Amino acid sequence: MDTVKTIDIPAEHLKNIFGELDSNLSIIEKALSVSVTARDGVVRINGTGSSADKAEKIFQELLSLSENGTVLTEQNVSYALDMADIAHEDGALQKMDSDIICHTVTGKPIKPKTLGQKEYVDAIRNNMIVFGTGPAGTGKTYLAMALACYYFGRDDCERIILTRPAIEAGEKLGFLPGDLQSKVDPYLRPLYDALYQIMGQETFQRNMEKGTIEVAPLAYMRGRTLDNSFIILDEAQNTTPAQMKMFLTRIGFGSKVVVTGDLTQKDLPTGTVSGLDVAERVLAKVEEIKFCHLTGKDVVRHPLVQKIVNAYEEYENKQARLRAQGSGKGRRK
């Protein structure tokens, strides 16, 4: 039986919520099998009881985001749809959207866009060491960079240190010309790109020259003690257990550490155990260390990226089940 729900949405927010050419509205109607019309600031939702209720809740969430000044995208709408089936406190999305970490050099606010990202950001604020794992596009490194710039700008840390293992991503790059910095720069380019966007290239270069920002391969961390620093280890799934132990034992007083990685994209030689896998088993119960696991629902790139991540997760889970069944048959023989 169809139900009709109505919600008042001021005209100044209607275009933002419905999207360009009603693109956001089309996503909601298709996902929930409802029809939506708007007249004189009143949105009328027609659909089955549960679908109409969900649509009403989603429009209320989107209205709160729009009132907060957010320019709504398909990603906002898709996430609101995902959240409709998950129990969460009222106003959680608005609270998350209000949490501005810092601004880019062009003035764009950087903030968590999913509840998983919000939990990750809060974990970094409240713990000395945080491990953030999850697929590509979940903002693991970018949000850590934003927090590093925030703490650095407030003089809460003296240096930002960014590092990652120099392992080729499934390709043999061969001989690289130039000096040592030129040879390692290709591995560290994603870190440079993020910092350029957040603080600007000139400010970044000036701090690099002063030594207050350091971008270096993981091997350069050996033998050092890193005090009063915000340290980010990126692509940690490509560390060995020995490298991970070496890195974690470099941490000095007054430092904060974020370790990021995607356990589904390891480039280590076949048979090599990842230091990120071992770290969680060894350190899971240690105080002041927090493990945050972001998922496909936290992907904030193009909506198609989320679909790709989910498709690969389904495929890999299916392959794992088939392997388990195969090994089980072998044992019974």
Protein backbone atom coordinates (compact mmCIF):
# COMPACT_ATOMS: atom_id res chain seq x y z
CA MET A 1 0.00 0.00 0.00
CA ASP A 2 1.38 3.40 -1.02
CA THR A 3 2.16 6.04 1.59
CA VAL A 4 2.47 9.78 1.06
CA LYS A 5 5.02 11.77 3.05
CA THR A 6 5.60 15.51 2.92
CA ILE A 7 8.56 17.59 4.03
CA ASP A 8 9.06 21.36 3.90
CA ILE A 9 12.21 22.34 2.02
CA PRO A 10 12.89 26.07 1.48
CA ALA A 11 13.35 27.06 -2.16
CA GLU A 12 16.97 28.14 -1.59
CA HIS A 13 17.89 24.54 -0.66
CA LEU A 14 15.71 22.69 -3.15
CA LYS A 15 18.07 23.00 -6.15
CA ASN A 16 21.05 21.90 -4.04
CA ILE A 17 19.19 18.84 -2.75
CA PHE A 18 17.63 17.82 -6.07
CA GLY A 19 20.92 18.38 -7.93
CA GLU A 20 21.70 19.67 -11.39
CA LEU A 21 18.91 18.58 -13.74
CA ASP A 22 17.41 16.69 -10.75
CA SER A 23 20.32 14.21 -10.82
CA ASN A 24 20.27 13.65 -7.04
CA LEU A 25 16.51 13.24 -7.07
CA SER A 26 16.74 10.59 -9.80
CA ILE A 27 19.18 8.56 -7.68
CA ILE A 28 16.79 8.58 -4.71
CA GLU A 29 13.71 7.73 -6.77
CA LYS A 30 15.47 4.85 -8.51
CA ALA A 31 17.05 3.43 -5.36
CA LEU A 32 13.86 3.49 -3.28
CA SER A 33 11.20 3.10 -5.99
CA VAL A 34 9.43 6.28 -4.94
CA SER A 35 8.11 9.26 -6.87
CA VAL A 36 8.87 12.76 -5.63
CA THR A 37 7.31 16.08 -6.57
CA ALA A 38 7.90 19.58 -5.23
CA ARG A 39 5.57 22.55 -5.17
CA ASP A 40 5.71 25.80 -3.18
CA GLY A 41 8.50 24.54 -0.91
CA VAL A 42 6.73 21.27 -0.07
CA VAL A 43 8.26 17.97 -1.21
CA ARG A 44 5.74 15.17 -1.64
CA ILE A 45 7.00 11.56 -1.49
CA ASN A 46 4.86 8.72 -2.79
CA GLY A 47 5.88 5.08 -2.25
CA THR A 48 5.47 2.00 -0.08
CA GLY A 49 5.52 2.56 3.65
CA SER A 50 9.17 1.66 4.31
CA SER A 51 10.47 3.31 1.13
CA ALA A 52 8.59 6.54 1.79
CA ASP A 53 9.90 6.60 5.37
CA LYS A 54 13.49 6.13 4.15
CA ALA A 55 13.09 8.81 1.51
CA GLU A 56 11.73 11.24 4.08
CA LYS A 57 14.69 10.54 6.37
CA ILE A 58 17.15 11.01 3.51
CA PHE A 59 15.65 14.35 2.48
CA GLN A 60 15.84 15.52 6.09
CA GLU A 61 19.53 14.51 6.26
CA LEU A 62 20.27 16.26 2.96
CA LEU A 63 18.43 19.37 4.10
CA SER A 64 20.54 19.54 7.26
CA LEU A 65 23.72 19.24 5.16
CA SER A 66 22.50 21.93 2.76
CA GLU A 67 21.67 24.26 5.67
CA ASN A 68 25.23 23.65 6.85
CA GLY A 69 26.53 25.12 3.59
CA THR A 70 27.48 21.85 1.89
CA VAL A 71 27.21 21.70 -1.90
CA LEU A 72 25.61 18.28 -2.29
CA THR A 73 27.03 15.73 -4.72
CA GLU A 74 26.03 12.25 -5.88
CA GLN A 75 28.42 10.89 -3.25
CA ASN A 76 26.48 12.66 -0.46
CA VAL A 77 23.22 11.20 -1.77
CA SER A 78 24.64 7.69 -2.19
CA TYR A 79 26.03 7.77 1.34
CA ALA A 80 22.74 9.02 2.77
CA LEU A 81 21.03 6.07 1.04
CA ASP A 82 23.55 3.66 2.57
CA MET A 83 23.00 5.18 6.01
CA ALA A 84 19.21 4.86 5.79
CA ASP A 85 19.45 1.19 6.80
CA ILE A 86 22.02 1.75 9.56
CA ALA A 87 21.12 2.87 13.07
CA HIS A 88 22.90 6.13 13.94
CA GLU A 89 22.23 9.07 16.19
CA ASP A 90 20.04 11.88 14.85
CA GLY A 91 22.11 14.62 13.26
CA ALA A 92 25.18 12.36 12.94
CA LEU A 93 25.76 13.33 9.31
CA GLN A 94 25.41 17.04 10.09
CA LYS A 95 27.80 16.72 13.04
CA MET A 96 30.28 14.92 10.80
CA ASP A 97 29.89 17.54 8.06
CA SER A 98 30.60 20.34 10.57
CA ASP A 99 33.97 18.84 11.54
CA ILE A 100 36.31 20.95 9.38
CA ILE A 101 39.92 19.85 9.88
CA CYS A 102 41.51 22.63 7.83
CA HIS A 103 41.21 24.34 4.45
CA THR A 104 43.14 23.78 1.25
CA VAL A 105 45.22 26.57 -0.25
CA THR A 106 42.19 27.48 -2.40
CA GLY A 107 39.92 27.70 0.65
CA LYS A 108 38.11 24.39 0.22
CA PRO A 109 37.24 22.81 3.60
CA ILE A 110 38.66 19.37 4.35
CA LYS A 111 36.36 17.28 6.53
CA PRO A 112 35.30 13.67 7.02
CA LYS A 113 32.57 12.67 4.58
CA THR A 114 31.51 9.35 6.10
CA LEU A 115 31.01 8.07 9.63
CA GLY A 116 33.99 5.75 9.13
CA GLN A 117 36.16 8.71 8.22
CA LYS A 118 34.83 10.64 11.23
CA GLU A 119 35.82 7.76 13.52
CA TYR A 120 39.26 7.67 11.88
CA VAL A 121 39.80 11.42 12.33
CA ASP A 122 38.71 11.30 15.99
CA ALA A 123 41.01 8.31 16.58
CA ILE A 124 43.99 10.31 15.29
CA ARG A 125 43.09 13.19 17.56
CA ASN A 126 42.78 10.97 20.63
CA ASN A 127 45.58 8.42 20.21
CA MET A 128 49.35 8.49 19.83
CA ILE A 129 49.42 5.83 17.09
CA VAL A 130 46.60 5.06 14.64
CA PHE A 131 46.52 2.39 11.94
CA GLY A 132 44.09 3.23 9.14
CA THR A 133 43.35 0.45 6.66
CA GLY A 134 40.92 0.33 3.78
CA PRO A 135 40.56 0.35 0.00
CA ALA A 136 41.61 3.11 -2.37
CA GLY A 137 39.57 6.30 -2.18
CA THR A 138 38.66 6.13 1.51
CA GLY A 139 40.78 9.19 2.37
CA LYS A 140 43.22 7.39 4.67
CA THR A 141 46.31 9.34 3.63
CA TYR A 142 44.62 12.60 2.70
CA LEU A 143 42.84 13.03 6.03
CA ALA A 144 46.04 12.16 7.90
CA MET A 145 47.86 14.81 5.83
CA ALA A 146 45.16 17.37 6.65
CA LEU A 147 45.50 16.68 10.38
CA ALA A 148 49.30 16.87 10.11
CA CYS A 149 49.01 20.31 8.50
CA TYR A 150 46.52 21.39 11.17
CA TYR A 151 48.79 20.38 14.06
CA PHE A 152 51.84 21.84 12.31
CA GLY A 153 50.04 25.16 11.71
CA ARG A 154 49.16 25.37 15.42
CA ASP A 155 52.78 24.58 16.44
CA ASP A 156 51.59 21.41 18.16
CA CYS A 157 54.38 19.59 16.32
CA GLU A 158 57.73 20.81 15.03
CA ARG A 159 57.94 18.65 11.91
CA ILE A 160 55.85 16.67 9.46
CA ILE A 161 57.53 13.45 8.35
CA LEU A 162 56.01 11.48 5.47
CA THR A 163 57.39 8.13 4.48
CA ARG A 164 56.52 5.03 2.50
CA PRO A 165 58.36 1.89 1.41
CA ALA A 166 59.98 2.26 -2.03
CA ILE A 167 58.42 -0.80 -3.63
CA GLU A 168 57.36 -0.90 -7.26
CA ALA A 169 53.62 -1.47 -7.70
CA GLY A 170 53.81 -4.70 -9.67
CA GLU A 171 56.07 -3.18 -12.32
CA LYS A 172 59.82 -3.23 -12.91
CA LEU A 173 60.78 0.40 -13.37
CA GLY A 174 64.41 -0.35 -14.14
CA PHE A 175 67.15 2.26 -13.95
CA LEU A 176 66.04 5.74 -12.90
CA PRO A 177 68.41 8.61 -13.83
CA GLY A 178 69.35 11.53 -11.59
CA ASP A 179 70.45 12.02 -8.00
CA LEU A 180 69.12 10.09 -5.02
CA GLN A 181 66.14 12.44 -4.53
CA SER A 182 65.15 12.03 -8.18
CA LYS A 183 65.22 8.25 -7.78
CA VAL A 184 62.85 8.18 -4.78
CA ASP A 185 60.50 11.00 -5.86
CA PRO A 186 58.29 8.75 -8.06
CA TYR A 187 57.44 6.61 -5.04
CA LEU A 188 56.58 9.67 -2.95
CA ARG A 189 54.66 11.68 -5.57
CA PRO A 190 51.19 11.00 -4.06
CA LEU A 191 52.40 12.52 -0.78
CA TYR A 192 53.73 15.61 -2.54
CA ASP A 193 50.47 16.04 -4.45
CA ALA A 194 48.39 15.98 -1.28
CA LEU A 195 50.60 18.55 0.46
CA TYR A 196 50.62 20.85 -2.57
CA GLN A 197 46.83 20.87 -2.49
CA ILE A 198 46.55 21.47 1.24
CA MET A 199 49.31 24.02 1.94
CA GLY A 200 50.38 25.20 -1.50
CA GLN A 201 53.58 24.44 -3.39
CA GLU A 202 55.51 27.52 -2.24
CA THR A 203 54.79 26.93 1.47
CA PHE A 204 55.62 23.24 1.05
CA GLN A 205 58.95 23.98 -0.68
CA ARG A 206 59.89 26.57 1.94
CA ASN A 207 59.28 24.10 4.77
CA MET A 208 61.14 21.36 2.90
CA GLU A 209 64.18 23.64 2.64
CA LYS A 210 63.96 24.45 6.37
CA GLY A 211 63.69 20.73 7.19
CA THR A 212 60.36 21.13 8.97
CA ILE A 213 58.69 18.93 6.34
CA GLU A 214 60.46 15.75 5.31
CA VAL A 215 59.37 13.27 2.64
CA ALA A 216 61.58 10.22 2.50
CA PRO A 217 61.63 6.44 1.87
CA LEU A 218 61.07 4.23 4.89
CA ALA A 219 64.68 2.99 4.82
CA TYR A 220 65.81 6.51 5.81
CA MET A 221 64.06 6.17 9.17
CA ARG A 222 66.52 3.57 10.49
CA GLY A 223 68.65 4.74 13.40
CA ARG A 224 66.67 7.93 14.04
CA THR A 225 64.54 9.09 16.97
CA LEU A 226 61.58 11.18 15.88
CA ASP A 227 60.51 13.63 18.61
CA ASN A 228 57.76 16.28 18.41
CA SER A 229 56.73 15.18 14.94
CA PHE A 230 53.59 14.18 13.07
CA ILE A 231 54.66 11.07 11.20
CA ILE A 232 52.72 9.32 8.43
CA LEU A 233 53.72 5.93 7.08
CA ASP A 234 51.84 5.41 3.83
CA GLU A 235 51.38 2.15 1.84
CA ALA A 236 52.25 0.20 4.99
CA GLN A 237 50.94 -3.05 3.48
CA ASN A 238 54.26 -3.13 1.59
CA THR A 239 56.41 -3.17 4.72
CA THR A 240 57.99 -6.33 6.10
CA PRO A 241 57.48 -7.14 9.80
CA ALA A 242 61.09 -6.05 10.46
CA GLN A 243 60.54 -2.70 8.72
CA MET A 244 57.34 -2.08 10.65
CA LYS A 245 59.03 -2.82 13.96
CA MET A 246 61.94 -0.56 13.00
CA PHE A 247 59.57 2.28 12.13
CA LEU A 248 57.40 2.03 15.25
CA THR A 249 60.46 1.99 17.51
CA ARG A 250 61.69 5.31 16.02
CA ILE A 251 58.87 7.23 17.69
CA GLY A 252 59.99 9.74 20.31
CA PHE A 253 58.31 12.05 22.82
CA GLY A 254 55.58 14.41 21.68
CA SER A 255 55.00 12.64 18.38
CA LYS A 256 51.83 11.41 16.73
CA VAL A 257 51.89 8.60 14.16
CA VAL A 258 49.45 7.49 11.48
CA VAL A 259 50.06 4.26 9.55
CA THR A 260 47.92 3.77 6.43
CA GLY A 261 47.57 0.85 4.05
CA ASP A 262 45.34 -1.25 1.83
CA LEU A 263 45.67 -4.92 2.69
CA THR A 264 44.21 -5.93 -0.69
CA GLN A 265 46.98 -4.22 -2.68
CA LYS A 266 50.26 -5.72 -1.51
CA ASP A 267 53.28 -5.47 -3.82
CA LEU A 268 55.59 -7.59 -1.68
CA PRO A 269 57.31 -10.62 -3.22
CA THR A 270 55.18 -13.77 -3.20
CA GLY A 271 55.27 -15.46 0.18
CA THR A 272 56.43 -12.38 2.08
CA VAL A 273 54.33 -11.52 5.15
CA SER A 274 53.14 -7.92 5.41
CA GLY A 275 54.27 -5.93 8.43
CA LEU A 276 50.81 -4.36 8.56
CA ASP A 277 49.16 -7.76 9.04
CA VAL A 278 51.59 -8.67 11.82
CA ALA A 279 51.26 -5.29 13.55
CA GLU A 280 47.53 -5.69 14.13
CA ARG A 281 47.98 -9.16 15.63
CA VAL A 282 50.81 -7.98 17.90
CA LEU A 283 49.54 -4.53 18.92
CA ALA A 284 45.75 -4.91 19.01
CA LYS A 285 45.58 -4.70 22.83
CA VAL A 286 48.20 -2.00 23.38
CA GLU A 287 46.79 1.22 24.86
CA GLU A 288 47.12 4.46 22.87
CA ILE A 289 47.16 2.44 19.65
CA LYS A 290 43.95 2.41 17.62
CA PHE A 291 43.09 0.37 14.51
CA CYS A 292 40.49 1.85 12.15
CA HIS A 293 39.12 -0.24 9.28
CA LEU A 294 37.54 1.79 6.48
CA THR A 295 35.41 -0.03 3.93
CA GLY A 296 33.89 0.42 0.49
CA LYS A 297 31.16 2.54 2.13
CA ASP A 298 33.84 5.12 2.99
CA VAL A 299 35.04 5.60 -0.60
CA VAL A 300 34.67 9.29 -1.48
CA ARG A 301 35.92 9.31 -5.06
CA HIS A 302 33.62 8.99 -8.07
CA PRO A 303 30.65 6.69 -7.22
CA LEU A 304 31.96 4.25 -9.84
CA VAL A 305 35.09 3.71 -7.70
CA GLN A 306 32.87 2.48 -4.86
CA LYS A 307 31.20 0.03 -7.24
CA ILE A 308 34.62 -1.20 -8.43
CA VAL A 309 35.81 -1.69 -4.84
CA ASN A 310 32.63 -3.60 -3.94
CA ALA A 311 32.87 -5.78 -7.08
CA TYR A 312 36.47 -6.74 -6.29
CA GLU A 313 35.57 -7.47 -2.66
CA GLU A 314 32.78 -9.80 -3.78
CA TYR A 315 35.08 -11.53 -6.28
CA GLU A 316 37.92 -11.96 -3.77
CA ASN A 317 35.56 -13.28 -1.09
CA LYS A 318 34.12 -15.77 -3.58
CA GLN A 319 37.62 -16.92 -4.58
CA ALA A 320 38.56 -17.33 -0.91
CA ARG A 321 35.46 -19.49 -0.30
CA LEU A 322 36.28 -21.64 -3.32
CA ARG A 323 39.86 -22.12 -2.13
CA ALA A 324 38.62 -23.05 1.34
CA GLN A 325 36.19 -25.58 -0.13
CA GLY A 326 38.96 -27.03 -2.29
CA SER A 327 41.36 -27.42 0.62
CA GLY A 328 38.56 -29.02 2.68
CA LYS A 329 37.94 -31.65 -0.02
CA GLY A 330 41.68 -32.35 -0.16
CA ARG A 331 41.84 -33.04 3.55
CA ARG A 332 38.83 -35.39 3.45
CA LYS A 333 40.58 -37.49 0.79
